[in-house]
Each structure stands twice: as structure tokens, then as C-alpha cells.
N, C-alpha and C. Protein backbone atom coordinates (compact mmCIF):
# COMPACT_ATOMS: atom_id res chain seq x y z
N MET A 1 -4.79 20.95 -12.82
CA MET A 1 -3.93 19.95 -12.23
C MET A 1 -4.50 19.55 -10.88
N CYS A 2 -4.32 18.30 -10.54
CA CYS A 2 -4.92 17.77 -9.32
C CYS A 2 -3.92 16.87 -8.61
N PRO A 3 -2.98 17.42 -7.85
CA PRO A 3 -1.95 16.59 -7.23
C PRO A 3 -2.53 15.67 -6.15
N SER A 4 -2.29 14.39 -6.31
CA SER A 4 -2.73 13.38 -5.35
C SER A 4 -1.67 12.30 -5.27
N SER A 5 -1.59 11.64 -4.13
CA SER A 5 -0.68 10.50 -4.03
C SER A 5 -1.18 9.57 -2.95
N ALA A 6 -0.78 8.32 -3.08
CA ALA A 6 -1.07 7.32 -2.06
C ALA A 6 0.16 6.44 -1.98
N LYS A 7 0.74 6.36 -0.79
CA LYS A 7 1.93 5.53 -0.64
C LYS A 7 1.90 4.81 0.69
N LEU A 8 2.57 3.68 0.72
CA LEU A 8 2.60 2.86 1.92
C LEU A 8 3.56 3.45 2.92
N ASN A 9 3.08 3.66 4.15
CA ASN A 9 3.92 4.08 5.26
C ASN A 9 4.34 2.80 5.97
N ILE A 10 5.58 2.37 5.74
CA ILE A 10 6.05 1.09 6.27
C ILE A 10 6.07 1.09 7.79
N ALA A 11 6.39 2.20 8.42
CA ALA A 11 6.44 2.26 9.88
C ALA A 11 5.08 1.98 10.50
N LYS A 12 4.00 2.49 9.88
CA LYS A 12 2.64 2.28 10.40
C LYS A 12 1.91 1.15 9.70
N MET A 13 2.48 0.63 8.58
CA MET A 13 1.82 -0.37 7.75
C MET A 13 0.41 0.08 7.35
N MET A 14 0.33 1.36 6.98
CA MET A 14 -0.92 1.94 6.51
C MET A 14 -0.62 2.77 5.27
N VAL A 15 -1.66 3.10 4.54
CA VAL A 15 -1.50 3.92 3.34
C VAL A 15 -1.71 5.39 3.71
N ASP A 16 -0.72 6.21 3.38
CA ASP A 16 -0.85 7.66 3.55
C ASP A 16 -1.37 8.23 2.24
N VAL A 17 -2.53 8.89 2.31
CA VAL A 17 -3.14 9.46 1.11
C VAL A 17 -3.07 10.97 1.21
N GLU A 18 -2.48 11.59 0.20
CA GLU A 18 -2.51 13.04 0.06
C GLU A 18 -3.46 13.30 -1.08
N CYS A 19 -4.63 13.83 -0.75
CA CYS A 19 -5.72 13.85 -1.71
C CYS A 19 -5.92 15.23 -2.33
N GLY A 20 -5.67 15.33 -3.64
CA GLY A 20 -6.05 16.50 -4.40
C GLY A 20 -7.45 16.24 -4.93
N CYS A 21 -7.60 15.18 -5.69
CA CYS A 21 -8.92 14.79 -6.17
C CYS A 21 -9.02 13.28 -6.43
N CYS A 22 -7.95 12.52 -6.21
CA CYS A 22 -7.97 11.08 -6.47
C CYS A 22 -7.52 10.29 -5.25
N MET A 23 -8.01 9.08 -5.15
CA MET A 23 -7.56 8.19 -4.07
C MET A 23 -7.75 6.74 -4.52
N PRO A 24 -7.07 5.78 -3.87
CA PRO A 24 -7.22 4.38 -4.25
C PRO A 24 -8.65 3.89 -4.05
N VAL A 25 -9.13 3.05 -4.97
CA VAL A 25 -10.46 2.46 -4.86
C VAL A 25 -10.42 1.26 -3.91
N THR A 26 -9.48 0.37 -4.14
CA THR A 26 -9.36 -0.82 -3.29
C THR A 26 -7.90 -1.05 -2.94
N LEU A 27 -7.70 -1.70 -1.82
CA LEU A 27 -6.38 -2.12 -1.38
C LEU A 27 -6.48 -3.59 -1.02
N HIS A 28 -5.47 -4.36 -1.37
CA HIS A 28 -5.45 -5.74 -0.89
C HIS A 28 -4.01 -6.14 -0.60
N LYS A 29 -3.87 -7.08 0.32
CA LYS A 29 -2.55 -7.54 0.73
C LYS A 29 -2.16 -8.77 -0.06
N LYS A 30 -0.87 -8.88 -0.34
CA LYS A 30 -0.34 -10.05 -1.04
C LYS A 30 0.92 -10.49 -0.32
N GLU A 31 1.06 -11.80 -0.14
CA GLU A 31 2.27 -12.35 0.47
C GLU A 31 3.26 -12.75 -0.61
N LEU A 32 4.51 -12.36 -0.41
CA LEU A 32 5.58 -12.73 -1.33
C LEU A 32 6.57 -13.61 -0.58
N LYS A 33 6.89 -14.76 -1.14
CA LYS A 33 7.91 -15.63 -0.55
C LYS A 33 9.25 -15.24 -1.14
N MET A 34 10.14 -14.78 -0.29
CA MET A 34 11.45 -14.32 -0.71
C MET A 34 12.40 -15.51 -0.83
N PRO A 35 13.46 -15.39 -1.63
CA PRO A 35 14.39 -16.50 -1.79
C PRO A 35 15.37 -16.66 -0.63
N CYS A 36 15.25 -15.82 0.39
CA CYS A 36 16.18 -15.90 1.52
C CYS A 36 15.49 -16.50 2.75
N GLN A 37 16.30 -16.86 3.72
CA GLN A 37 15.80 -17.47 4.95
C GLN A 37 15.24 -16.41 5.89
N ASP A 38 14.17 -16.76 6.60
CA ASP A 38 13.59 -15.88 7.62
C ASP A 38 14.50 -15.92 8.84
N PRO A 39 15.04 -14.76 9.27
CA PRO A 39 15.95 -14.76 10.43
C PRO A 39 15.27 -15.19 11.73
N GLU A 40 13.95 -15.07 11.81
CA GLU A 40 13.23 -15.46 13.02
C GLU A 40 12.76 -16.91 12.98
N LEU A 41 12.75 -17.52 11.80
CA LEU A 41 12.29 -18.91 11.64
C LEU A 41 13.32 -19.68 10.82
N PRO A 42 14.42 -20.09 11.44
CA PRO A 42 15.47 -20.80 10.70
C PRO A 42 14.90 -22.01 9.94
N GLY A 43 15.35 -22.15 8.70
CA GLY A 43 14.88 -23.25 7.86
C GLY A 43 13.66 -22.91 7.03
N LYS A 44 13.05 -21.75 7.29
CA LYS A 44 11.86 -21.32 6.53
C LYS A 44 12.23 -20.11 5.68
N ARG A 45 11.54 -19.97 4.54
CA ARG A 45 11.75 -18.80 3.69
C ARG A 45 11.08 -17.57 4.29
N LEU A 46 11.67 -16.43 4.04
CA LEU A 46 11.13 -15.16 4.51
C LEU A 46 9.88 -14.83 3.69
N VAL A 47 8.80 -14.45 4.36
CA VAL A 47 7.56 -14.06 3.71
C VAL A 47 7.32 -12.58 4.00
N MET A 48 7.15 -11.79 2.94
CA MET A 48 6.87 -10.36 3.07
C MET A 48 5.44 -10.11 2.64
N GLU A 49 4.78 -9.18 3.30
CA GLU A 49 3.41 -8.82 2.94
C GLU A 49 3.44 -7.41 2.36
N ILE A 50 2.85 -7.24 1.16
CA ILE A 50 2.79 -5.92 0.54
C ILE A 50 1.33 -5.54 0.30
N ILE A 51 1.09 -4.25 0.15
CA ILE A 51 -0.25 -3.75 -0.14
C ILE A 51 -0.28 -3.30 -1.59
N ILE A 52 -1.31 -3.74 -2.32
CA ILE A 52 -1.46 -3.41 -3.73
C ILE A 52 -2.70 -2.54 -3.91
N PHE A 53 -2.55 -1.45 -4.65
CA PHE A 53 -3.67 -0.57 -4.95
C PHE A 53 -4.41 -1.12 -6.15
N GLY A 54 -5.75 -1.13 -6.08
CA GLY A 54 -6.56 -1.66 -7.18
C GLY A 54 -7.30 -0.56 -7.92
N GLY A 55 -6.59 0.39 -8.47
CA GLY A 55 -7.21 1.47 -9.23
C GLY A 55 -7.43 2.70 -8.37
N CYS A 56 -7.95 3.74 -8.99
CA CYS A 56 -8.21 4.97 -8.24
C CYS A 56 -9.51 5.61 -8.74
N VAL A 57 -10.05 6.47 -7.90
CA VAL A 57 -11.25 7.21 -8.25
C VAL A 57 -10.89 8.70 -8.17
N CYS A 58 -11.36 9.45 -9.14
CA CYS A 58 -11.07 10.89 -9.16
C CYS A 58 -12.33 11.69 -8.84
N ASN A 59 -12.13 12.96 -8.50
CA ASN A 59 -13.20 13.83 -8.03
C ASN A 59 -13.87 13.24 -6.80
N TYR A 60 -13.05 12.67 -5.93
CA TYR A 60 -13.51 12.03 -4.69
C TYR A 60 -14.14 13.07 -3.77
N ASP A 61 -15.37 12.82 -3.31
CA ASP A 61 -16.11 13.79 -2.49
C ASP A 61 -15.46 14.06 -1.14
N GLY A 62 -14.70 13.10 -0.63
CA GLY A 62 -14.08 13.27 0.69
C GLY A 62 -12.87 14.18 0.68
N CYS A 63 -12.44 14.63 -0.49
CA CYS A 63 -11.25 15.48 -0.58
C CYS A 63 -11.57 16.90 -0.15
N THR A 64 -10.60 17.50 0.49
CA THR A 64 -10.74 18.92 0.85
C THR A 64 -9.65 19.69 0.12
N HIS A 65 -9.95 20.88 -0.29
CA HIS A 65 -8.98 21.68 -1.06
C HIS A 65 -8.62 22.92 -0.28
């Protein structure tokens, strides 16, 4: 078994990786236009930015056990 995880830390807007033997290969940002109004820009839709993982690599050399 090789416990690994990668999740977005919203407070830091970074990915926290707990590496057993796998980690994300690529990350990219995507903008989502929400159906609600942006509270800071009246009259405009709220835009959220999310990070998407593009696969993973296992037996990553940078991992420490």
C-alpha cells in the first residue's frame, strides 16, 4: 500500500501533497463563471478559479518514506 494525497489548500491557494509514492503530474488553473453576482463588482458575475490535477506519477523519486 502506498498512501498519497494531493489537495488544494484554499487558505494558501497551493496544493498540499502528502507523498507515499504518487504525486500530481501537472496542475492547471481554470476559471468558472458562477451564476451569482460578484459582491466586489456589482453587475458582474462572480468568477472562481480552481486548480485541476492532470494525472499522477507513481514511484516518484522525490518521495521520502
